[in-house]
Amino acid sequence: METLHFLLGGFAVALSPANLMVAATGAFIGTIVGMLPGLGPINGVAILMPLAFALKLPPETALILLAAVYMGCEYGGRISSILLNVPGDAGAIMTALDGHPMAKKGLAGVALSISAWSSFVGSLIATIGIVLFAPLLARWALAFGPAEYFALMCFAFACITGLMGDAPVKAALAAMIGLSLSTVGLDSNSGVYRFTGGNVHLSDGIQFIVVVIGVFSVSEILLMLEQHHSSSGLIQVSGRKLFNLKELALTWPGTLRSAVVGFVVGVLPGAGATIASAMTYSMEKRMAGPDGHFGDGDIRGVTAPEAANNASAAGSFVPMLTLGVPGSGTTAVMVGALSLYNITPGPALFTQNPALVWGLIASLFIANVMLLVINIPMVGVFTKVLRLPNWTLVPGILAVSAVGVYSVHATTFDLMLMSGLGVAGYLLRKQGMPMAPLILGFVLGDLMEQNLRRALSITNGELGILVESPISIGLWIGAAAMVIVPPLMRLRAHRKVAAAAA
């Protein structure tokens, strides 16, 4: 009852006219920023943070604005993934695997509408989870040390490679390429430059936006040009813009499962939407079995990662509010915003400033409804992008991609690197190598290395720490199962087919 009392007080704060207007503005801006390839929620929140402070907004209003932008970016990231096969941010990588094939089949409107609905469900379940379980889950997250995080990331790699259809070896090779790209630049422990070739532009490493734009956007442009479709767009758009009840019934169980998993993963500081979407995509692919068409436009491959990454985004507020530990890169920026107001997040925040905490939580409910209202009616507007002829669409994609890459460091080197990675991505895709494991390896590579080093430094290099805790052991067993079980299941299925044919 006490929690309900605080939540009602939070709605009183969030429903004030000023905060409602701020939430609606943030939700719309976040959707636009999220759909622009490479920008993502961190950039959206970072851009608006100084603006909120300069406008002298009250702390609860500023936090509501930034939270709405964050949630809006998670919604918007799916748009470019589905329409252009260019993820808006790392969390939307898995959405592209089936969202873009659906768009190619003329189901872009269905993919966009069902993904908006699953995003809504994921965020709603996670926000309810914040209200009910925030203190408990925050204490559980403290049990994850560097060894557990390393095991968790290995489990994520096992999920994405072990279940990648008939090409697990290619998926593993792509993940290794991504890991190798993440090692370029300054070693934060020793201060030594690694694999830079003496080029000063690589001292800070290769930027995420350069990699994702190169291997997704540029390679997709080259594939589009190879099709020789000059008079009309590559993708045909059907008249249906909304999902139907049959599709809702098919995806509903997976959406609920993915939302719960995404929320739990989001509570873990640093785990984030990338791991959540990869885990749930793999989980749903395994549960679908031979009836699934994942990678070829299966609607469950769109709803599962979207529910998970939005739930993970909401879940990342739990460690931020209760422990003062950012649950993601975006919430790290939001912690910085609180510091501008001399507010320190942590357990004392719930008693010292309940209006801010519960106003923020209530605003997540409100912003989530606003985003659904914004995104569903605009499906028709988004799908019109696909009606553009290739001679207009290709330069447009290239221009947006180049602007996004150039805006990071304002150097032409990044543009050349983007082009080189694009050509390499094109050649790899021609050989049937999936790009999602490559991006996953790049995104998680640095975190994986840092946690492994921290774990080994605790025991002076003894590897036993990696399998000491029950959590680590469970994750290693899960990773082994993900690598071993899918090939055995495929072998069993092939034997059944052969026996039936005989």
Protein backbone atom coordinates (compact mmCIF):
# COMPACT_ATOMS: atom_id res chain seq x y z
CA MET A 1 0.00 0.00 0.00
CA GLU A 2 2.88 2.34 0.72
CA THR A 3 4.27 1.75 -2.77
CA LEU A 4 0.85 2.50 -4.29
CA HIS A 5 0.68 5.72 -2.27
CA PHE A 6 4.07 6.85 -3.56
CA LEU A 7 3.13 5.89 -7.14
CA LEU A 8 -0.06 7.97 -6.98
CA GLY A 9 2.04 10.87 -5.78
CA GLY A 10 4.34 10.31 -8.73
CA PHE A 11 1.40 10.47 -11.15
CA ALA A 12 0.41 13.78 -9.56
CA VAL A 13 3.85 15.08 -10.50
CA ALA A 14 3.98 13.51 -13.98
CA LEU A 15 0.45 14.63 -14.95
CA SER A 16 1.13 18.31 -14.42
CA PRO A 17 0.68 20.24 -17.71
CA ALA A 18 4.36 21.19 -17.96
CA ASN A 19 5.58 17.63 -17.39
CA LEU A 20 3.03 16.19 -19.80
CA MET A 21 4.19 18.58 -22.52
CA VAL A 22 7.83 17.78 -21.78
CA ALA A 23 7.14 14.02 -21.92
CA ALA A 24 5.31 14.31 -25.28
CA THR A 25 8.12 16.44 -26.73
CA GLY A 26 10.79 14.04 -25.50
CA ALA A 27 8.93 11.01 -26.86
CA PHE A 28 8.63 12.56 -30.33
CA ILE A 29 12.24 13.79 -30.42
CA GLY A 30 13.44 10.39 -29.19
CA THR A 31 11.56 8.57 -31.96
CA ILE A 32 13.14 10.79 -34.62
CA VAL A 33 16.64 10.51 -33.14
CA GLY A 34 16.25 6.75 -32.74
CA MET A 35 15.35 6.19 -36.38
CA LEU A 36 18.44 8.08 -37.59
CA PRO A 37 21.15 5.44 -38.12
CA GLY A 38 23.97 5.55 -35.61
CA LEU A 39 22.72 8.28 -33.29
CA GLY A 40 20.94 6.23 -30.64
CA PRO A 41 19.68 7.11 -27.16
CA ILE A 42 23.03 8.15 -25.70
CA ASN A 43 23.46 10.92 -28.26
CA GLY A 44 19.82 11.97 -27.95
CA VAL A 45 20.01 12.30 -24.18
CA ALA A 46 23.46 13.92 -24.29
CA ILE A 47 22.26 16.56 -26.76
CA LEU A 48 19.20 17.50 -24.70
CA MET A 49 20.86 17.38 -21.27
CA PRO A 50 22.60 20.78 -21.49
CA LEU A 51 19.46 22.24 -23.08
CA ALA A 52 17.32 21.09 -20.14
CA PHE A 53 19.77 22.63 -17.69
CA ALA A 54 20.04 25.87 -19.68
CA LEU A 55 16.24 26.22 -19.66
CA LYS A 56 16.39 25.92 -15.83
CA LEU A 57 13.87 23.10 -15.78
CA PRO A 58 13.16 21.60 -12.34
CA PRO A 59 15.10 18.36 -11.76
CA GLU A 60 12.03 16.12 -12.00
CA THR A 61 10.97 17.82 -15.27
CA ALA A 62 14.46 17.50 -16.73
CA LEU A 63 14.64 13.83 -15.78
CA ILE A 64 11.19 13.18 -17.29
CA LEU A 65 12.35 14.82 -20.54
CA LEU A 66 15.52 12.73 -20.74
CA ALA A 67 13.67 9.52 -19.84
CA ALA A 68 11.08 10.16 -22.56
CA VAL A 69 13.86 10.73 -25.10
CA TYR A 70 15.52 7.49 -23.97
CA MET A 71 12.33 5.46 -24.37
CA GLY A 72 11.54 7.16 -27.68
CA CYS A 73 14.95 6.25 -29.07
CA GLU A 74 14.35 2.60 -28.19
CA TYR A 75 11.08 2.77 -30.16
CA GLY A 76 12.64 4.63 -33.09
CA GLY A 77 15.64 2.34 -33.52
CA ARG A 78 13.44 -0.35 -35.04
CA ILE A 79 12.26 1.90 -37.90
CA SER A 80 15.53 2.10 -39.82
CA SER A 81 16.28 -1.54 -38.94
CA ILE A 82 13.07 -2.72 -40.59
CA LEU A 83 12.92 -0.31 -43.52
CA LEU A 84 16.60 0.04 -44.46
CA ASN A 85 18.35 -2.83 -42.64
CA VAL A 86 20.37 -0.19 -40.77
CA PRO A 87 19.92 -0.48 -36.97
CA GLY A 88 19.28 2.84 -35.27
CA ASP A 89 21.33 1.62 -32.31
CA ALA A 90 22.96 -1.56 -31.03
CA GLY A 91 19.77 -2.76 -29.36
CA ALA A 92 17.97 -2.87 -32.72
CA ILE A 93 20.51 -5.12 -34.44
CA MET A 94 18.47 -8.28 -33.88
CA THR A 95 15.28 -6.60 -35.14
CA ALA A 96 16.85 -6.18 -38.56
CA LEU A 97 17.36 -9.94 -38.98
CA ASP A 98 13.65 -10.58 -39.57
CA GLY A 99 12.22 -7.05 -39.78
CA HIS A 100 13.93 -6.21 -43.05
CA PRO A 101 13.02 -9.52 -44.73
CA MET A 102 9.42 -8.83 -43.72
CA ALA A 103 9.66 -5.42 -45.37
CA LYS A 104 11.04 -7.06 -48.53
CA LYS A 105 7.97 -9.30 -48.58
CA GLY A 106 5.68 -6.26 -48.55
CA LEU A 107 4.95 -6.45 -44.80
CA ALA A 108 6.80 -3.32 -43.67
CA GLY A 109 3.64 -1.85 -42.12
CA VAL A 110 2.91 -5.07 -40.24
CA ALA A 111 6.50 -5.26 -38.96
CA LEU A 112 6.45 -1.62 -37.82
CA SER A 113 3.07 -1.85 -36.10
CA ILE A 114 3.70 -5.19 -34.34
CA SER A 115 7.14 -3.98 -33.22
CA ALA A 116 5.58 -0.82 -31.78
CA TRP A 117 3.08 -2.94 -29.87
CA SER A 118 5.74 -5.32 -28.53
CA SER A 119 7.87 -2.32 -27.54
CA PHE A 120 4.88 -0.98 -25.61
CA VAL A 121 4.30 -4.30 -23.85
CA GLY A 122 7.99 -4.67 -23.00
CA SER A 123 8.25 -1.17 -21.54
CA LEU A 124 4.96 -1.55 -19.65
CA ILE A 125 5.97 -4.84 -18.01
CA ALA A 126 9.40 -3.49 -17.13
CA THR A 127 7.96 -0.32 -15.60
CA ILE A 128 5.60 -2.42 -13.47
CA GLY A 129 8.70 -4.42 -12.51
CA ILE A 130 10.43 -1.23 -11.39
CA VAL A 131 7.53 -0.45 -9.07
CA LEU A 132 7.35 -3.94 -7.59
CA PHE A 133 10.88 -5.28 -7.55
CA ALA A 134 13.38 -2.40 -7.75
CA PRO A 135 15.03 -2.81 -4.31
CA LEU A 136 15.09 -6.62 -4.50
CA LEU A 137 16.51 -6.79 -8.03
CA ALA A 138 19.11 -4.15 -7.26
CA ARG A 139 20.44 -6.29 -4.39
CA TRP A 140 20.50 -9.32 -6.70
CA ALA A 141 22.46 -7.38 -9.32
CA LEU A 142 25.20 -6.78 -6.74
CA ALA A 143 25.93 -10.53 -6.85
CA PHE A 144 27.31 -10.10 -10.38
CA GLY A 145 31.05 -9.57 -10.23
CA PRO A 146 33.49 -9.39 -13.16
CA ALA A 147 33.60 -13.21 -13.49
CA GLU A 148 29.81 -13.40 -13.72
CA TYR A 149 29.68 -10.61 -16.31
CA PHE A 150 32.31 -12.35 -18.43
CA ALA A 151 30.31 -15.59 -18.27
CA LEU A 152 27.13 -13.68 -19.16
CA MET A 153 28.75 -12.22 -22.28
CA CYS A 154 30.09 -15.62 -23.32
CA PHE A 155 26.55 -16.92 -22.90
CA ALA A 156 25.29 -14.13 -25.19
CA PHE A 157 27.84 -15.13 -27.85
CA ALA A 158 26.87 -18.77 -27.52
CA CYS A 159 23.22 -17.82 -27.98
CA ILE A 160 23.79 -15.86 -31.17
CA THR A 161 26.27 -18.28 -32.76
CA GLY A 162 24.79 -21.60 -31.66
CA LEU A 163 21.35 -20.79 -33.01
CA MET A 164 22.36 -19.11 -36.26
CA GLY A 165 20.64 -21.63 -38.51
CA ASP A 166 22.94 -23.83 -40.56
CA ALA A 167 25.88 -21.42 -40.37
CA PRO A 168 27.13 -21.49 -36.74
CA VAL A 169 30.76 -21.54 -37.88
CA LYS A 170 30.27 -18.43 -40.01
CA ALA A 171 28.45 -16.76 -37.13
CA ALA A 172 31.29 -17.57 -34.74
CA LEU A 173 33.83 -16.27 -37.27
CA ALA A 174 31.84 -13.03 -37.63
CA ALA A 175 31.78 -12.65 -33.83
CA MET A 176 35.57 -13.11 -33.73
CA ILE A 177 35.97 -10.40 -36.37
CA GLY A 178 33.86 -8.08 -34.25
CA LEU A 179 35.92 -8.90 -31.14
CA SER A 180 39.14 -8.17 -33.02
CA LEU A 181 37.82 -4.79 -34.19
CA SER A 182 36.99 -3.87 -30.58
CA THR A 183 40.65 -4.31 -29.54
CA VAL A 184 41.87 -1.52 -31.82
CA GLY A 185 43.00 1.60 -29.97
CA LEU A 186 44.40 2.49 -26.55
CA ASP A 187 44.57 -0.29 -23.99
CA SER A 188 42.98 1.26 -20.92
CA ASN A 189 45.02 -0.93 -18.53
CA SER A 190 48.53 -0.62 -19.93
CA GLY A 191 48.20 2.60 -21.93
CA VAL A 192 49.67 0.88 -24.99
CA TYR A 193 48.29 1.51 -28.49
CA ARG A 194 47.12 -1.72 -30.11
CA PHE A 195 46.62 -2.53 -33.79
CA THR A 196 46.54 1.13 -34.84
CA GLY A 197 49.30 0.80 -37.46
CA GLY A 198 50.69 4.12 -36.22
CA ASN A 199 47.55 5.94 -37.36
CA VAL A 200 46.57 8.62 -34.85
CA HIS A 201 42.92 8.45 -35.98
CA LEU A 202 42.67 4.94 -34.50
CA SER A 203 44.06 5.91 -31.07
CA ASP A 204 40.55 6.08 -29.57
CA GLY A 205 39.52 2.90 -31.32
CA ILE A 206 36.94 2.41 -34.05
CA GLN A 207 33.65 4.13 -33.27
CA PHE A 208 30.48 2.06 -33.08
CA ILE A 209 28.67 4.28 -35.58
CA VAL A 210 31.46 3.77 -38.15
CA VAL A 211 31.22 -0.02 -37.86
CA VAL A 212 27.43 -0.28 -37.84
CA ILE A 213 26.98 2.17 -40.73
CA GLY A 214 29.73 0.46 -42.72
CA VAL A 215 28.72 -3.18 -42.36
CA PHE A 216 24.98 -2.52 -42.49
CA SER A 217 24.25 0.66 -44.42
CA VAL A 218 27.06 0.76 -47.00
CA SER A 219 26.95 -2.98 -47.62
CA GLU A 220 23.16 -2.79 -48.01
CA ILE A 221 23.59 0.02 -50.57
CA LEU A 222 26.02 -2.13 -52.55
CA LEU A 223 23.59 -5.04 -52.46
CA MET A 224 20.77 -2.75 -53.62
CA LEU A 225 22.88 -1.47 -56.52
CA GLU A 226 23.69 -5.03 -57.46
CA GLN A 227 19.96 -5.74 -57.91
CA HIS A 228 19.86 -3.26 -60.85
CA HIS A 229 16.41 -1.97 -59.85
CA SER A 230 16.48 1.56 -61.17
CA SER A 231 12.83 2.37 -61.78
CA SER A 232 11.30 1.45 -58.44
CA GLY A 233 12.22 0.77 -54.84
CA LEU A 234 13.68 -2.59 -53.94
CA ILE A 235 10.83 -3.31 -51.53
CA GLN A 236 7.19 -3.59 -52.44
CA VAL A 237 4.77 -2.19 -49.86
CA SER A 238 1.43 -3.90 -49.31
CA GLY A 239 -1.76 -2.09 -48.42
CA ARG A 240 -1.95 -3.61 -44.91
CA LYS A 241 -0.38 -1.33 -42.31
CA LEU A 242 -1.43 -3.05 -39.07
CA PHE A 243 -1.00 -6.52 -37.63
CA ASN A 244 -4.04 -8.76 -37.24
CA LEU A 245 -5.33 -10.88 -34.36
CA LYS A 246 -3.75 -14.07 -35.72
CA GLU A 247 -0.31 -12.44 -35.72
CA LEU A 248 -0.93 -11.03 -32.25
CA ALA A 249 -1.88 -14.47 -30.93
CA LEU A 250 1.26 -16.00 -32.48
CA THR A 251 3.62 -13.45 -30.95
CA TRP A 252 1.92 -12.78 -27.61
CA PRO A 253 3.63 -15.54 -25.51
CA GLY A 254 7.08 -14.69 -26.88
CA THR A 255 6.54 -11.00 -26.28
CA LEU A 256 5.73 -11.61 -22.62
CA ARG A 257 8.71 -13.95 -22.17
CA SER A 258 11.09 -11.53 -23.87
CA ALA A 259 9.82 -8.59 -21.80
CA VAL A 260 10.53 -10.42 -18.55
CA VAL A 261 14.00 -11.56 -19.70
CA GLY A 262 14.79 -8.07 -21.02
CA PHE A 263 13.84 -6.45 -17.73
CA VAL A 264 16.01 -8.84 -15.69
CA VAL A 265 18.98 -8.31 -18.02
CA GLY A 266 18.42 -4.53 -17.94
CA VAL A 267 18.76 -4.52 -14.15
CA LEU A 268 22.34 -5.77 -14.52
CA PRO A 269 24.60 -2.70 -14.79
CA GLY A 270 26.28 -2.62 -18.18
CA ALA A 271 24.44 -5.60 -19.67
CA GLY A 272 22.04 -3.51 -21.72
CA ALA A 273 19.63 -3.99 -24.58
CA THR A 274 22.17 -5.62 -26.89
CA ILE A 275 22.52 -8.72 -24.71
CA ALA A 276 18.79 -8.77 -23.92
CA SER A 277 17.72 -8.70 -27.57
CA ALA A 278 20.31 -11.33 -28.58
CA MET A 279 19.29 -13.68 -25.76
CA THR A 280 15.56 -13.41 -26.42
CA TYR A 281 15.92 -13.72 -30.19
CA SER A 282 17.90 -16.91 -29.71
CA MET A 283 15.44 -18.17 -27.10
CA GLU A 284 12.43 -17.67 -29.36
CA LYS A 285 14.25 -19.18 -32.33
CA ARG A 286 14.98 -22.29 -30.31
CA MET A 287 11.42 -22.54 -29.00
CA ALA A 288 9.99 -22.15 -32.52
CA GLY A 289 12.05 -25.12 -33.72
CA PRO A 290 11.49 -26.33 -37.30
CA ASP A 291 8.24 -24.35 -37.55
CA GLY A 292 10.13 -21.07 -37.38
CA HIS A 293 11.49 -19.08 -40.31
CA PHE A 294 13.89 -16.89 -38.36
CA GLY A 295 16.16 -14.84 -40.57
CA ASP A 296 13.65 -15.02 -43.41
CA GLY A 297 10.91 -12.75 -42.08
CA ASP A 298 9.49 -14.54 -39.03
CA ILE A 299 7.31 -12.05 -37.15
CA ARG A 300 8.43 -13.54 -33.81
CA GLY A 301 11.96 -12.48 -34.71
CA VAL A 302 10.72 -8.87 -34.67
CA THR A 303 8.58 -8.87 -31.55
CA ALA A 304 10.98 -10.73 -29.23
CA PRO A 305 14.03 -8.41 -29.51
CA GLU A 306 11.84 -5.29 -29.54
CA ALA A 307 10.06 -6.29 -26.33
CA ALA A 308 13.41 -7.20 -24.78
CA ASN A 309 15.36 -4.07 -25.65
CA ASN A 310 12.58 -1.74 -24.50
CA ALA A 311 12.17 -3.71 -21.27
CA SER A 312 15.93 -3.61 -20.78
CA ALA A 313 15.96 0.17 -21.23
CA ALA A 314 13.33 0.57 -18.53
CA GLY A 315 15.08 -1.98 -16.30
CA SER A 316 18.33 0.01 -16.45
CA PHE A 317 16.67 2.66 -14.27
CA VAL A 318 16.62 0.21 -11.33
CA PRO A 319 20.37 0.22 -10.50
CA MET A 320 20.56 3.94 -11.34
CA LEU A 321 17.86 4.92 -8.87
CA THR A 322 18.51 2.40 -6.09
CA LEU A 323 22.32 2.05 -6.22
CA GLY A 324 23.51 5.10 -8.10
CA VAL A 325 25.10 2.70 -10.61
CA PRO A 326 24.15 3.41 -14.25
CA GLY A 327 22.44 0.40 -15.82
CA SER A 328 23.40 1.51 -19.35
CA GLY A 329 25.39 4.17 -21.18
CA THR A 330 22.29 6.32 -21.47
CA THR A 331 21.48 6.18 -17.76
CA ALA A 332 25.14 7.10 -17.13
CA VAL A 333 24.45 10.35 -18.98
CA MET A 334 21.31 10.81 -16.87
CA VAL A 335 23.35 10.38 -13.69
CA GLY A 336 25.47 13.23 -14.99
CA ALA A 337 22.32 15.28 -15.47
CA LEU A 338 21.34 14.69 -11.84
CA SER A 339 24.78 15.82 -10.72
CA LEU A 340 24.11 19.19 -12.39
CA TYR A 341 21.29 19.58 -9.86
CA ASN A 342 23.49 18.37 -6.95
CA ILE A 343 21.39 15.20 -6.66
CA THR A 344 23.11 11.89 -5.95
CA PRO A 345 21.12 8.81 -6.97
CA GLY A 346 21.09 5.91 -4.54
CA PRO A 347 18.98 4.30 -1.82
CA ALA A 348 18.61 7.61 0.04
CA LEU A 349 17.03 9.19 -3.03
CA PHE A 350 13.74 7.38 -2.39
CA THR A 351 13.39 9.06 1.01
CA GLN A 352 15.10 12.39 0.34
CA ASN A 353 13.43 13.16 -3.01
CA PRO A 354 10.44 10.85 -3.52
CA ALA A 355 8.71 13.31 -5.88
CA LEU A 356 11.61 12.99 -8.34
CA VAL A 357 11.86 9.18 -8.18
CA TRP A 358 8.17 8.37 -8.32
CA GLY A 359 7.46 11.19 -10.77
CA LEU A 360 10.04 9.63 -13.09
CA ILE A 361 8.54 6.14 -12.69
CA ALA A 362 5.02 7.45 -13.34
CA SER A 363 6.26 9.36 -16.40
CA LEU A 364 7.55 6.08 -17.88
CA PHE A 365 3.97 4.78 -17.93
CA ILE A 366 2.75 8.00 -19.55
CA ALA A 367 5.57 8.27 -22.11
CA ASN A 368 5.03 4.64 -23.09
CA VAL A 369 1.37 5.30 -23.94
CA MET A 370 2.36 8.47 -25.82
CA LEU A 371 4.90 6.55 -27.88
CA LEU A 372 2.35 3.92 -28.87
CA VAL A 373 -0.08 6.66 -29.92
CA ILE A 374 2.67 8.39 -31.92
CA ASN A 375 4.11 5.30 -33.60
CA ILE A 376 1.04 3.33 -34.69
CA PRO A 377 -0.63 6.12 -36.74
CA MET A 378 2.71 7.01 -38.37
CA VAL A 379 3.28 3.53 -39.81
CA GLY A 380 1.93 4.71 -43.16
CA VAL A 381 4.33 7.67 -43.14
CA PHE A 382 7.32 5.45 -42.38
CA THR A 383 6.50 2.90 -45.08
CA LYS A 384 6.33 5.63 -47.72
CA VAL A 385 10.12 5.70 -47.53
CA LEU A 386 10.07 2.38 -49.36
CA ARG A 387 8.12 3.81 -52.30
CA LEU A 388 11.09 5.96 -53.27
CA PRO A 389 12.98 4.78 -56.37
CA ASN A 390 16.47 3.43 -55.80
CA TRP A 391 18.12 6.36 -57.57
CA THR A 392 16.64 8.55 -54.81
CA LEU A 393 16.74 6.13 -51.88
CA VAL A 394 20.37 5.02 -52.24
CA PRO A 395 21.93 8.54 -52.22
CA GLY A 396 19.61 9.48 -49.36
CA ILE A 397 20.72 6.53 -47.23
CA LEU A 398 24.35 7.24 -48.08
CA ALA A 399 24.01 10.95 -47.23
CA VAL A 400 22.37 10.29 -43.85
CA SER A 401 24.98 7.63 -43.08
CA ALA A 402 27.88 9.90 -44.01
CA VAL A 403 26.52 12.78 -41.92
CA GLY A 404 26.08 10.49 -38.93
CA VAL A 405 29.65 9.19 -39.20
CA TYR A 406 31.22 12.60 -39.87
CA SER A 407 29.44 14.17 -36.89
CA VAL A 408 31.37 11.99 -34.40
CA HIS A 409 34.92 13.30 -34.95
CA ALA A 410 34.47 15.52 -38.02
CA THR A 411 37.24 13.68 -39.89
CA THR A 412 37.30 12.31 -43.40
CA PHE A 413 39.22 9.29 -42.09
CA ASP A 414 36.03 7.98 -40.49
CA LEU A 415 34.28 8.27 -43.84
CA MET A 416 37.04 6.29 -45.56
CA LEU A 417 36.99 3.69 -42.80
CA MET A 418 33.20 3.45 -43.12
CA SER A 419 33.58 2.82 -46.86
CA GLY A 420 36.25 0.17 -46.32
CA LEU A 421 34.16 -1.63 -43.71
CA GLY A 422 31.17 -1.37 -46.04
CA VAL A 423 33.00 -3.11 -48.86
CA ALA A 424 34.27 -5.77 -46.42
CA GLY A 425 30.73 -6.23 -45.07
CA TYR A 426 29.39 -6.56 -48.61
CA LEU A 427 31.92 -9.29 -49.43
CA LEU A 428 31.20 -11.12 -46.16
CA ARG A 429 27.45 -10.98 -46.76
CA LYS A 430 27.97 -12.33 -50.28
CA GLN A 431 29.61 -15.34 -48.64
CA GLY A 432 26.60 -15.85 -46.38
CA MET A 433 28.22 -14.52 -43.22
CA PRO A 434 25.74 -12.87 -40.80
CA MET A 435 26.54 -9.36 -39.61
CA ALA A 436 24.67 -9.42 -36.28
CA PRO A 437 27.35 -11.53 -34.49
CA LEU A 438 30.02 -9.18 -35.84
CA ILE A 439 28.30 -6.14 -34.35
CA LEU A 440 27.59 -8.01 -31.12
CA GLY A 441 31.27 -8.94 -30.85
CA PHE A 442 32.31 -5.34 -31.43
CA VAL A 443 29.84 -3.91 -28.91
CA LEU A 444 30.63 -6.39 -26.14
CA GLY A 445 34.32 -6.86 -26.85
CA ASP A 446 35.63 -4.09 -24.61
CA LEU A 447 33.31 -4.98 -21.71
CA MET A 448 34.23 -8.63 -22.09
CA GLU A 449 37.97 -7.89 -21.99
CA GLN A 450 37.72 -5.50 -19.03
CA ASN A 451 35.68 -7.94 -16.93
CA LEU A 452 38.02 -10.82 -17.72
CA ARG A 453 41.01 -8.72 -16.68
CA ARG A 454 39.35 -7.59 -13.47
CA ALA A 455 38.41 -11.17 -12.58
CA LEU A 456 41.96 -12.46 -13.20
CA SER A 457 43.54 -9.55 -11.35
CA ILE A 458 41.62 -10.55 -8.21
CA THR A 459 43.24 -14.01 -8.18
CA ASN A 460 46.60 -13.07 -9.75
CA GLY A 461 45.78 -14.91 -12.96
CA GLU A 462 44.05 -17.99 -11.56
CA LEU A 463 41.30 -19.09 -13.97
CA GLY A 464 39.33 -20.82 -11.24
CA ILE A 465 37.52 -17.58 -10.38
CA LEU A 466 35.59 -17.86 -13.64
CA VAL A 467 33.76 -20.97 -12.38
CA GLU A 468 33.57 -20.32 -8.64
CA SER A 469 30.10 -18.87 -8.15
CA PRO A 470 26.81 -20.71 -8.85
CA ILE A 471 25.81 -17.89 -11.22
CA SER A 472 28.97 -18.35 -13.31
CA ILE A 473 28.57 -22.12 -13.39
CA GLY A 474 24.94 -21.80 -14.50
CA LEU A 475 25.88 -19.38 -17.27
CA TRP A 476 28.73 -21.61 -18.50
CA ILE A 477 26.41 -24.60 -18.57
CA GLY A 478 23.85 -22.54 -20.48
CA ALA A 479 26.52 -21.41 -22.97
CA ALA A 480 27.67 -25.01 -23.52
CA ALA A 481 24.07 -26.10 -24.05
CA MET A 482 23.53 -23.33 -26.61
CA VAL A 483 26.56 -24.49 -28.57
CA ILE A 484 25.95 -28.26 -28.34
CA VAL A 485 22.17 -28.72 -28.34
CA PRO A 486 21.18 -26.86 -31.58
CA PRO A 487 23.55 -28.89 -33.83
CA LEU A 488 22.27 -32.10 -32.22
CA MET A 489 18.68 -31.02 -32.84
CA ARG A 490 19.48 -30.18 -36.48
CA LEU A 491 21.21 -33.55 -36.89
CA ARG A 492 18.19 -35.29 -35.41
CA ALA A 493 15.87 -33.40 -37.75
CA HIS A 494 18.00 -34.32 -40.78
CA ARG A 495 17.95 -37.98 -39.76
CA LYS A 496 14.16 -37.89 -39.45
CA VAL A 497 13.89 -36.36 -42.91
CA ALA A 498 16.27 -38.96 -44.33
CA ALA A 499 14.37 -41.79 -42.64
CA ALA A 500 11.05 -40.48 -43.97
CA ALA A 501 12.49 -40.20 -47.47
CA ALA A 502 13.82 -43.78 -47.25
